């Protein structure tokens, strides 16, 4: 990244792009392609791209290496504006979002959010960013609530939850039979090449059956 250029009025604004996807099977290409097009239309010079792959937005800066690099670059005033596809690409914690916004504005670095059309150089843009942070956190809480409700409903209907046993029916029958004759769980795990936890789940499933 190029260094701060003082107050050179005619110089194009230097943009840093941040993109993130939650799983390794997803790609940041769509985000970065659109943001590059925006930068070109705005006459901004892209001086860096930061991409986190397979990392949840609920994780903080310490667990998002590229996000951390972006914040450090902004702190060194190596860019004039940070561009992201959407507020949820930056994070889902209101506390972390506001801290990030504070870091940017402390260094006089602007923020562009494509989906929300937000420009934090204006008071209304800054206020809207805070509101969107609230909604992002609220959305996550709703998702967690829906998951928990679904699990509770499944339990009430007698459905068995948890990881699959990961063994063949023959192995499960052999484990159950040997355990009934007094074989220890560690011995059974060694004998069948499975974990002690798997043996415990097989026995527990037999008891619940």
Protein backbone atom coordinates (compact mmCIF):
# COMPACT_ATOMS: atom_id res chain seq x y z
CA UNK A 1 0.00 0.00 0.00
CA UNK A 2 1.12 3.52 -0.71
CA UNK A 3 1.74 5.90 2.16
CA UNK A 4 -0.33 8.93 3.18
CA UNK A 5 0.00 11.74 0.66
CA UNK A 6 -0.90 14.71 2.79
CA UNK A 7 -3.50 17.13 1.39
CA UNK A 8 -2.98 16.62 -2.34
CA UNK A 9 -6.40 17.66 -3.61
CA UNK A 10 -6.17 16.18 -7.11
CA UNK A 11 -5.04 12.73 -6.05
CA UNK A 12 -7.67 9.94 -6.37
CA UNK A 13 -9.05 8.50 -3.17
CA UNK A 14 -7.20 5.31 -2.15
CA UNK A 15 -9.57 2.41 -1.54
CA UNK A 16 -9.03 -0.81 0.42
CA UNK A 17 -11.49 -3.62 -0.30
CA UNK A 18 -12.56 -6.09 2.39
CA UNK A 19 -14.43 -9.29 1.51
CA UNK A 20 -15.42 -12.26 3.66
CA UNK A 21 -17.25 -15.56 3.25
CA UNK A 22 -18.32 -17.88 6.04
CA UNK A 23 -17.40 -21.23 4.46
CA UNK A 24 -14.53 -22.53 2.35
CA UNK A 25 -16.99 -23.59 -0.37
CA UNK A 26 -17.98 -19.96 -0.96
CA UNK A 27 -15.99 -17.35 -2.88
CA UNK A 28 -15.27 -13.67 -2.42
CA UNK A 29 -15.02 -13.13 -6.19
CA UNK A 30 -18.52 -11.69 -6.58
CA UNK A 31 -17.96 -9.19 -3.80
CA UNK A 32 -14.59 -7.99 -5.03
CA UNK A 33 -15.64 -7.82 -8.69
CA UNK A 34 -18.55 -5.50 -7.91
CA UNK A 35 -16.50 -3.35 -5.54
CA UNK A 36 -13.74 -2.95 -8.11
CA UNK A 37 -16.36 -1.75 -10.60
CA UNK A 38 -17.64 0.80 -8.06
CA UNK A 39 -14.13 2.05 -7.36
CA UNK A 40 -13.55 2.49 -11.08
CA UNK A 41 -16.78 4.50 -11.46
CA UNK A 42 -15.88 6.67 -8.46
CA UNK A 43 -12.34 7.26 -9.72
CA UNK A 44 -10.84 5.60 -6.64
CA UNK A 45 -7.47 3.82 -6.73
CA UNK A 46 -7.56 0.32 -5.20
CA UNK A 47 -4.45 -0.02 -3.06
CA UNK A 48 -5.26 -3.30 -1.32
CA UNK A 49 -7.68 -6.22 -1.10
CA UNK A 50 -8.23 -8.15 2.13
CA UNK A 51 -10.15 -11.46 1.99
CA UNK A 52 -11.13 -13.79 4.83
CA UNK A 53 -12.35 -17.24 3.75
CA UNK A 54 -14.32 -19.69 5.86
CA UNK A 55 -14.64 -17.36 8.85
CA UNK A 56 -17.89 -16.39 10.56
CA UNK A 57 -18.72 -12.71 10.98
CA UNK A 58 -19.43 -13.46 14.63
CA UNK A 59 -15.69 -13.96 15.21
CA UNK A 60 -13.66 -11.00 16.39
CA UNK A 61 -10.67 -9.30 14.85
CA UNK A 62 -8.19 -11.72 16.44
CA UNK A 63 -9.68 -14.66 14.51
CA UNK A 64 -9.95 -12.82 11.18
CA UNK A 65 -6.37 -12.28 9.98
CA UNK A 66 -7.21 -10.23 6.88
CA UNK A 67 -9.64 -8.04 8.79
CA UNK A 68 -6.89 -7.43 11.32
CA UNK A 69 -4.48 -6.50 8.52
CA UNK A 70 -7.06 -4.10 7.11
CA UNK A 71 -7.49 -2.31 10.45
CA UNK A 72 -3.71 -1.98 10.82
CA UNK A 73 -3.42 -0.59 7.28
CA UNK A 74 -6.14 1.95 8.01
CA UNK A 75 -4.38 2.90 11.25
CA UNK A 76 -1.23 3.62 9.22
CA UNK A 77 -3.39 5.80 6.93
CA UNK A 78 -2.55 3.66 3.91
CA UNK A 79 -6.05 4.12 2.51
CA UNK A 80 -8.69 6.84 2.42
CA UNK A 81 -11.77 4.63 2.23
CA UNK A 82 -12.60 1.04 3.16
CA UNK A 83 -15.04 -0.71 0.84
CA UNK A 84 -17.16 -3.74 1.73
CA UNK A 85 -20.09 -5.49 0.07
CA UNK A 86 -22.36 -5.28 3.12
CA UNK A 87 -22.31 -4.47 6.82
CA UNK A 88 -22.56 -8.16 7.73
CA UNK A 89 -19.27 -8.81 5.89
CA UNK A 90 -17.59 -6.62 8.52
CA UNK A 91 -19.15 -8.40 11.49
CA UNK A 92 -22.26 -9.29 13.43
CA UNK A 93 -21.38 -7.85 16.81
CA UNK A 94 -22.57 -4.28 17.32
CA UNK A 95 -19.73 -3.65 19.75
CA UNK A 96 -17.11 -4.78 17.21
CA UNK A 97 -18.76 -2.85 14.37
CA UNK A 98 -18.79 0.40 16.33
CA UNK A 99 -15.20 -0.14 17.43
CA UNK A 100 -14.23 -0.63 13.77
CA UNK A 101 -16.07 2.52 12.73
CA UNK A 102 -14.35 4.43 15.53
CA UNK A 103 -10.93 3.18 14.38
CA UNK A 104 -11.62 4.37 10.83
CA UNK A 105 -12.87 7.80 11.79
CA UNK A 106 -10.02 8.31 14.25
CA UNK A 107 -7.72 8.15 11.21
CA UNK A 108 -10.12 10.08 8.96
CA UNK A 109 -10.77 6.99 6.83
CA UNK A 110 -14.19 6.70 5.19
CA UNK A 111 -16.37 3.61 4.80
CA UNK A 112 -18.35 2.51 1.76
CA UNK A 113 -20.96 -0.27 2.09
CA UNK A 114 -22.29 -1.31 -1.29
CA UNK A 115 -25.55 -3.06 -0.37
CA UNK A 116 -26.64 -0.35 2.04
CA UNK A 117 -25.25 2.55 -0.02
CA UNK A 118 -23.64 4.01 3.10
CA UNK A 119 -21.02 6.73 3.13
CA UNK A 120 -19.81 7.54 6.65
CA UNK A 121 -18.46 10.94 5.69
CA UNK A 122 -22.00 12.22 6.44
CA UNK A 123 -23.74 12.27 9.85
CA UNK A 124 -26.72 10.39 8.38
CA UNK A 125 -24.40 7.71 6.97
CA UNK A 126 -22.73 7.23 10.35
CA UNK A 127 -26.12 6.93 12.08
CA UNK A 128 -27.36 4.45 9.49
CA UNK A 129 -24.25 2.30 9.99
CA UNK A 130 -25.00 2.06 13.71
CA UNK A 131 -28.61 1.09 13.00
CA UNK A 132 -27.51 -1.62 10.57
CA UNK A 133 -25.17 -2.98 13.21
CA UNK A 134 -28.14 -3.34 15.55
CA UNK A 135 -30.10 -5.20 12.88
CA UNK A 136 -27.17 -7.52 12.08
CA UNK A 137 -26.88 -8.51 15.74
CA UNK A 138 -30.66 -8.88 16.04
CA UNK A 139 -30.69 -11.12 12.95
CA UNK A 140 -28.06 -13.40 14.50
CA UNK A 141 -30.04 -13.65 17.75
CA UNK A 142 -33.15 -14.56 15.75
CA UNK A 143 -31.22 -17.27 13.91
CA UNK A 144 -29.94 -18.75 17.17
CA UNK A 145 -33.48 -18.62 18.56
CA UNK A 146 -34.87 -20.44 15.52
CA UNK A 147 -32.19 -23.16 15.80
CA UNK A 148 -32.89 -23.69 19.50
CA UNK A 149 -36.64 -23.80 18.89
CA UNK A 150 -36.12 -26.39 16.15
CA UNK A 151 -34.00 -28.56 18.43
CA UNK A 152 -36.57 -28.34 21.22
CA UNK A 153 -39.36 -29.28 18.80
CA UNK A 154 -37.36 -32.27 17.52
CA UNK A 155 -36.76 -33.49 21.08
CA UNK A 156 -40.45 -33.14 21.94
CA UNK A 157 -41.26 -35.32 18.91
CA UNK A 158 -38.88 -38.01 20.13
CA UNK A 159 -36.26 -37.47 17.44
CA UNK A 160 -32.70 -38.44 18.29
CA UNK A 161 -30.26 -35.53 18.07
CA UNK A 162 -26.50 -35.39 17.89
CA UNK A 163 -23.81 -36.67 15.59
CA UNK A 164 -24.37 -39.91 13.65
CA UNK A 165 -22.69 -42.92 15.21
CA UNK A 166 -20.41 -43.32 12.21
CA UNK A 167 -20.25 -47.10 12.46
CA UNK A 168 -21.79 -50.06 10.67
CA UNK A 169 -24.80 -51.92 12.13
CA UNK A 170 -22.59 -55.00 12.59
CA UNK A 171 -20.05 -53.03 14.64
CA UNK A 172 -22.78 -51.51 16.78
CA UNK A 173 -24.29 -54.95 17.46
CA UNK A 174 -20.86 -56.33 18.36
CA UNK A 175 -20.13 -53.44 20.73
CA UNK A 176 -23.51 -53.80 22.46
CA UNK A 177 -23.14 -57.57 22.82
CA UNK A 178 -19.58 -57.36 24.18
CA UNK A 179 -20.51 -54.55 26.58
CA UNK A 180 -23.41 -56.63 27.90
CA UNK A 181 -20.88 -59.38 28.72
CA UNK A 182 -18.75 -56.94 30.71
CA UNK A 183 -16.22 -55.61 28.16
CA UNK A 184 -14.90 -52.16 29.04
CA UNK A 185 -15.46 -49.15 26.80
CA UNK A 186 -11.76 -48.49 26.22
CA UNK A 187 -11.18 -52.11 25.24
CA UNK A 188 -14.14 -52.02 22.84
CA UNK A 189 -12.86 -48.80 21.29
CA UNK A 190 -9.43 -50.36 20.70
CA UNK A 191 -10.90 -53.59 19.38
CA UNK A 192 -13.13 -51.92 16.79
CA UNK A 193 -10.87 -48.98 15.94
CA UNK A 194 -13.32 -46.34 17.10
CA UNK A 195 -13.29 -43.65 19.75
CA UNK A 196 -14.41 -44.16 23.34
CA UNK A 197 -17.01 -41.42 22.76
CA UNK A 198 -18.44 -43.44 19.86
CA UNK A 199 -18.66 -46.52 22.05
CA UNK A 200 -20.49 -44.47 24.68
CA UNK A 201 -22.97 -43.17 22.11
CA UNK A 202 -23.64 -46.70 20.78
CA UNK A 203 -24.38 -47.93 24.28
CA UNK A 204 -26.48 -44.86 25.10
CA UNK A 205 -28.44 -45.29 21.86
CA UNK A 206 -29.13 -48.93 22.81
CA UNK A 207 -30.41 -47.83 26.18
CA UNK A 208 -32.67 -45.20 24.60
CA UNK A 209 -33.97 -47.58 21.95
